[in-house]
Amino acid sequence: MSKKPMFIPNPDGSDGYLLNLAGVLLMTGDVIFGDPAETTPTGRANALRMVERILQEAEKRGFKHTSTVWNLMRRNEPNRRLVNLAQKAMDLIPKDVQGRIMQEELSNARAGVSVTPPLLAIKHPGKHEPESNPRFLRPGPDGVDPRFMAAGQELKRIAEEEGEDAIHKPEHAHLYAKMIRFAPKDLRDQMDAKAKELNLFPEATHVGEDGQPVYSAQQLADKTGVSVEEIEQFIADSDIDPDDLYTGPVFPLQ
């Protein structure tokens, strides 16, 4: 395996570094799975396409660790095994192909070209959730999605500036939804258990496609003692992300 450095100072003396293909793989993995505040959906899509292209070319030449690379990148933390696998993937790709990958993908990114994800999107669909699943978690170095912390900090700011009662206004309900959506799994499990203990949920009669309980406006109205119209008005006033409202098929519990 090559031991060439992935990042070298720019030889023209300017700021910045030159990256080989293994370095590009690591950098783009951080764009996909890192702090979403530090990039854009377009930037993540471009990075996703670059990673797919590199790993696809490596797979053609016998690379057997694609799923491992995705799993390690998803952790979004420094990892020697990931560095070694990135180098191994690059070593399998001829230099002329490496140059073509860089040139074509950077050109596509500058031109804003939309390219359908290639082979790996079909072979490893679970690793492409950042662009297809709005509930996908991007843990930071501390293992917590920064959007969870950001929503909590915003609620704290509102309470300090407007009083504790202000955080219960409908227009701030989307912040609670974000905290629940992006909370670490163990914390979500604790919140669900506490809600069940306090009997905050209606009795589940149906589940969605993912097997999770879903509740109708009528069930919520019956549980809270208000009308369906009030429930629907609250949802309309609360600026809750549409992704937090299930609209798919439902199935009765057996």
Protein backbone atom coordinates (compact mmCIF):
# COMPACT_ATOMS: atom_id res chain seq x y z
CA MET A 1 0.00 0.00 0.00
CA SER A 2 1.22 3.50 -0.85
CA LYS A 3 2.37 5.69 2.01
CA LYS A 4 2.24 8.95 0.12
CA PRO A 5 0.86 11.81 2.27
CA MET A 6 -2.76 12.65 1.56
CA PHE A 7 -2.32 16.37 2.27
CA ILE A 8 0.79 18.36 1.27
CA PRO A 9 1.38 22.13 1.44
CA ASN A 10 0.71 23.92 -1.83
CA PRO A 11 4.08 24.06 -3.62
CA ASP A 12 3.41 27.57 -4.92
CA GLY A 13 3.69 28.86 -1.36
CA SER A 14 0.05 29.96 -1.08
CA ASP A 15 -2.25 28.95 1.73
CA GLY A 16 -3.95 25.59 1.54
CA TYR A 17 -2.99 22.04 0.67
CA LEU A 18 -2.96 19.69 -2.27
CA LEU A 19 -4.99 16.51 -1.77
CA ASN A 20 -4.58 13.13 -3.36
CA LEU A 21 -7.65 11.00 -4.01
CA ALA A 22 -7.52 9.33 -0.58
CA GLY A 23 -7.47 12.77 1.07
CA VAL A 24 -10.43 13.82 -1.07
CA LEU A 25 -12.32 10.74 0.09
CA LEU A 26 -11.78 11.65 3.74
CA MET A 27 -12.66 15.33 3.23
CA THR A 28 -15.86 14.58 1.30
CA GLY A 29 -16.89 12.01 3.91
CA ASP A 30 -16.73 14.77 6.52
CA VAL A 31 -18.91 16.98 4.31
CA ILE A 32 -21.56 14.26 4.06
CA PHE A 33 -21.62 13.19 7.70
CA GLY A 34 -20.29 16.26 9.50
CA ASP A 35 -21.97 19.34 10.91
CA PRO A 36 -24.76 20.30 8.46
CA ALA A 37 -24.29 23.95 9.40
CA GLU A 38 -20.87 23.87 7.73
CA THR A 39 -22.13 22.93 4.25
CA THR A 40 -25.24 23.02 2.05
CA PRO A 41 -27.51 20.34 0.56
CA THR A 42 -25.80 20.94 -2.77
CA GLY A 43 -22.38 20.58 -1.18
CA ARG A 44 -23.40 17.29 0.45
CA ALA A 45 -24.83 16.01 -2.84
CA ASN A 46 -21.57 16.86 -4.64
CA ALA A 47 -19.53 15.19 -1.90
CA LEU A 48 -21.76 12.13 -1.96
CA ARG A 49 -21.30 11.81 -5.71
CA MET A 50 -17.52 12.14 -5.37
CA VAL A 51 -17.30 9.41 -2.71
CA GLU A 52 -19.54 7.13 -4.75
CA ARG A 53 -17.43 7.65 -7.84
CA ILE A 54 -14.14 6.92 -6.04
CA LEU A 55 -15.45 3.77 -4.37
CA GLN A 56 -17.14 2.57 -7.53
CA GLU A 57 -13.86 2.81 -9.45
CA ALA A 58 -12.05 1.03 -6.61
CA GLU A 59 -14.66 -1.73 -6.51
CA LYS A 60 -14.20 -2.34 -10.24
CA ARG A 61 -10.58 -3.16 -9.45
CA GLY A 62 -11.19 -5.49 -6.54
CA PHE A 63 -11.79 -3.24 -3.50
CA LYS A 64 -13.80 -5.28 -0.98
CA HIS A 65 -14.33 -2.82 1.86
CA THR A 66 -16.86 -0.31 0.52
CA SER A 67 -19.45 -0.93 3.25
CA THR A 68 -16.77 -0.64 5.92
CA VAL A 69 -15.65 2.71 4.50
CA TRP A 70 -19.21 4.04 4.63
CA ASN A 71 -19.68 2.81 8.20
CA LEU A 72 -16.42 4.37 9.36
CA MET A 73 -17.16 7.69 7.62
CA ARG A 74 -20.57 7.77 9.23
CA ARG A 75 -18.92 7.93 12.67
CA ASN A 76 -17.35 11.25 11.61
CA GLU A 77 -14.27 10.91 13.78
CA PRO A 78 -10.53 10.40 13.07
CA ASN A 79 -9.88 6.73 12.46
CA ARG A 80 -6.66 5.04 11.34
CA ARG A 81 -8.53 2.16 9.74
CA LEU A 82 -10.50 4.58 7.56
CA VAL A 83 -7.28 6.32 6.52
CA ASN A 84 -5.72 2.99 5.55
CA LEU A 85 -8.78 1.88 3.59
CA ALA A 86 -8.97 5.22 1.77
CA GLN A 87 -5.33 4.80 0.76
CA LYS A 88 -5.93 1.20 -0.30
CA ALA A 89 -8.89 2.23 -2.48
CA MET A 90 -6.83 4.97 -4.12
CA ASP A 91 -3.92 2.63 -4.81
CA LEU A 92 -6.20 0.38 -6.87
CA ILE A 93 -7.21 3.22 -9.20
CA PRO A 94 -4.79 4.10 -12.03
CA LYS A 95 -3.41 7.63 -11.92
CA ASP A 96 -5.10 8.64 -15.19
CA VAL A 97 -8.47 7.50 -13.82
CA GLN A 98 -7.81 9.37 -10.57
CA GLY A 99 -7.20 12.55 -12.56
CA ARG A 100 -10.34 12.01 -14.59
CA ILE A 101 -12.45 11.51 -11.46
CA MET A 102 -11.20 14.76 -9.96
CA GLN A 103 -11.61 16.73 -13.17
CA GLU A 104 -15.08 15.45 -14.07
CA GLU A 105 -16.59 15.64 -10.59
CA LEU A 106 -15.23 19.11 -9.86
CA SER A 107 -16.46 20.26 -13.27
CA ASN A 108 -19.91 18.83 -12.57
CA ALA A 109 -19.99 20.53 -9.16
CA ARG A 110 -19.05 23.93 -10.64
CA ALA A 111 -21.64 23.55 -13.39
CA GLY A 112 -24.35 22.45 -10.96
CA VAL A 113 -24.88 19.24 -12.90
CA SER A 114 -27.33 16.79 -11.35
CA VAL A 115 -26.11 13.24 -11.81
CA THR A 116 -28.04 10.16 -10.73
CA PRO A 117 -26.07 8.33 -8.03
CA PRO A 118 -24.24 5.42 -9.67
CA LEU A 119 -23.92 1.78 -8.70
CA LEU A 120 -23.13 2.19 -5.02
CA ALA A 121 -26.40 4.00 -4.29
CA ILE A 122 -28.17 0.77 -5.21
CA LYS A 123 -25.71 -1.56 -3.48
CA HIS A 124 -25.47 0.46 -0.25
CA PRO A 125 -28.75 2.42 0.04
CA GLY A 126 -28.56 2.78 3.82
CA LYS A 127 -25.39 4.85 3.53
CA HIS A 128 -27.08 7.53 1.43
CA GLU A 129 -29.62 8.65 3.98
CA PRO A 130 -28.33 12.24 4.28
CA GLU A 131 -30.04 13.15 1.00
CA SER A 132 -33.04 10.82 1.19
CA ASN A 133 -33.99 10.66 4.85
CA PRO A 134 -34.59 13.92 6.72
CA ARG A 135 -34.32 12.07 10.04
CA PHE A 136 -30.78 10.92 9.34
CA LEU A 137 -28.44 11.71 12.26
CA ARG A 138 -25.04 13.29 11.71
CA PRO A 139 -23.28 12.80 15.06
CA GLY A 140 -20.50 15.25 15.83
CA PRO A 141 -17.27 14.25 17.62
CA ASP A 142 -19.22 13.98 20.88
CA GLY A 143 -21.71 11.58 19.29
CA VAL A 144 -24.60 14.10 19.32
CA ASP A 145 -26.14 15.64 16.22
CA PRO A 146 -25.44 19.40 16.46
CA ARG A 147 -29.03 20.15 15.36
CA PHE A 148 -30.27 18.62 18.63
CA MET A 149 -28.10 21.00 20.62
CA ALA A 150 -29.00 23.97 18.41
CA ALA A 151 -32.74 23.47 18.97
CA GLY A 152 -32.20 23.20 22.72
CA GLN A 153 -30.08 26.34 22.78
CA GLU A 154 -32.74 28.24 20.84
CA LEU A 155 -35.44 27.21 23.34
CA LYS A 156 -33.13 28.29 26.16
CA ARG A 157 -32.62 31.68 24.49
CA ILE A 158 -36.38 32.17 24.07
CA ALA A 159 -36.99 31.30 27.73
CA GLU A 160 -34.32 33.76 28.88
CA GLU A 161 -35.55 36.61 26.67
CA GLU A 162 -39.32 36.06 26.75
CA GLY A 163 -39.95 33.98 29.86
CA GLU A 164 -40.53 30.29 30.46
CA ASP A 165 -44.11 30.38 29.19
CA ALA A 166 -42.98 31.59 25.78
CA ILE A 167 -41.36 28.27 24.85
CA HIS A 168 -44.80 26.62 24.95
CA LYS A 169 -46.21 28.81 22.17
CA PRO A 170 -47.26 26.95 19.00
CA GLU A 171 -44.71 28.82 16.89
CA HIS A 172 -41.92 27.14 18.86
CA ALA A 173 -43.26 23.58 18.56
CA HIS A 174 -40.91 22.90 15.64
CA LEU A 175 -37.95 23.28 18.01
CA TYR A 176 -39.26 20.47 20.20
CA ALA A 177 -39.82 18.40 17.07
CA LYS A 178 -36.19 18.96 16.05
CA MET A 179 -34.92 17.99 19.48
CA ILE A 180 -36.87 14.74 19.32
CA ARG A 181 -35.86 14.05 15.72
CA PHE A 182 -32.14 14.63 16.24
CA ALA A 183 -31.76 13.36 19.80
CA PRO A 184 -29.35 10.44 20.32
CA LYS A 185 -31.19 7.13 20.07
CA ASP A 186 -30.76 6.22 23.73
CA LEU A 187 -32.20 9.58 24.76
CA ARG A 188 -35.14 9.19 22.35
CA ASP A 189 -35.82 5.78 23.85
CA GLN A 190 -35.81 7.33 27.35
CA MET A 191 -38.18 10.11 26.23
CA ASP A 192 -40.54 7.58 24.65
CA ALA A 193 -40.51 5.45 27.79
CA LYS A 194 -41.22 8.49 30.00
CA ALA A 195 -44.06 9.63 27.74
CA LYS A 196 -45.64 6.18 27.95
CA GLU A 197 -45.17 6.14 31.73
CA LEU A 198 -46.97 9.49 31.97
CA ASN A 199 -49.66 8.24 29.58
CA LEU A 200 -49.09 11.13 27.18
CA PHE A 201 -49.78 9.15 24.01
CA PRO A 202 -53.15 7.87 22.80
CA GLU A 203 -53.48 4.10 22.58
CA ALA A 204 -51.88 3.08 19.31
CA THR A 205 -54.20 1.37 16.84
CA HIS A 206 -52.15 1.75 13.64
CA VAL A 207 -48.51 1.80 12.54
CA GLY A 208 -46.71 3.33 9.58
CA GLU A 209 -44.54 1.63 6.99
CA ASP A 210 -41.64 1.54 9.44
CA GLY A 211 -43.72 -0.21 12.11
CA GLN A 212 -43.82 2.84 14.38
CA PRO A 213 -47.14 3.94 15.96
CA VAL A 214 -49.03 6.75 14.22
CA TYR A 215 -51.90 8.80 15.58
CA SER A 216 -54.76 10.60 13.88
CA ALA A 217 -55.89 14.13 14.69
CA GLN A 218 -59.03 12.58 16.21
CA GLN A 219 -56.96 10.39 18.55
CA LEU A 220 -54.89 13.38 19.67
CA ALA A 221 -58.04 15.42 20.19
CA ASP A 222 -59.64 12.69 22.30
CA LYS A 223 -56.47 12.33 24.37
CA THR A 224 -56.01 16.04 25.04
CA GLY A 225 -59.69 16.91 25.44
CA VAL A 226 -59.83 19.47 22.63
CA SER A 227 -61.51 19.44 19.22
CA VAL A 228 -60.01 18.08 16.01
CA GLU A 229 -60.18 21.60 14.62
CA GLU A 230 -58.01 22.88 17.48
CA ILE A 231 -55.47 20.12 16.88
CA GLU A 232 -55.31 20.93 13.17
CA GLN A 233 -55.05 24.66 13.90
CA PHE A 234 -52.21 24.04 16.35
CA ILE A 235 -50.32 22.07 13.69
CA ALA A 236 -50.94 24.84 11.15
CA ASP A 237 -49.70 27.52 13.58
CA SER A 238 -46.72 25.61 14.94
CA ASP A 239 -44.40 25.66 11.91
CA ILE A 240 -43.71 21.94 12.41
CA ASP A 241 -41.61 20.53 9.61
CA PRO A 242 -43.83 18.56 7.19
CA ASP A 243 -41.34 15.69 7.50
CA ASP A 244 -42.49 15.30 11.11
CA LEU A 245 -46.08 14.61 10.01
CA TYR A 246 -46.54 11.08 8.72
CA THR A 247 -48.52 10.94 5.47
CA GLY A 248 -47.76 7.42 4.25
CA PRO A 249 -49.90 4.29 4.38
CA VAL A 250 -51.04 3.01 7.78
CA PHE A 251 -51.74 -0.53 8.92
CA PRO A 252 -53.91 -1.68 11.82
CA LEU A 253 -52.19 -3.35 14.74
CA GLN A 254 -52.83 -7.05 14.83
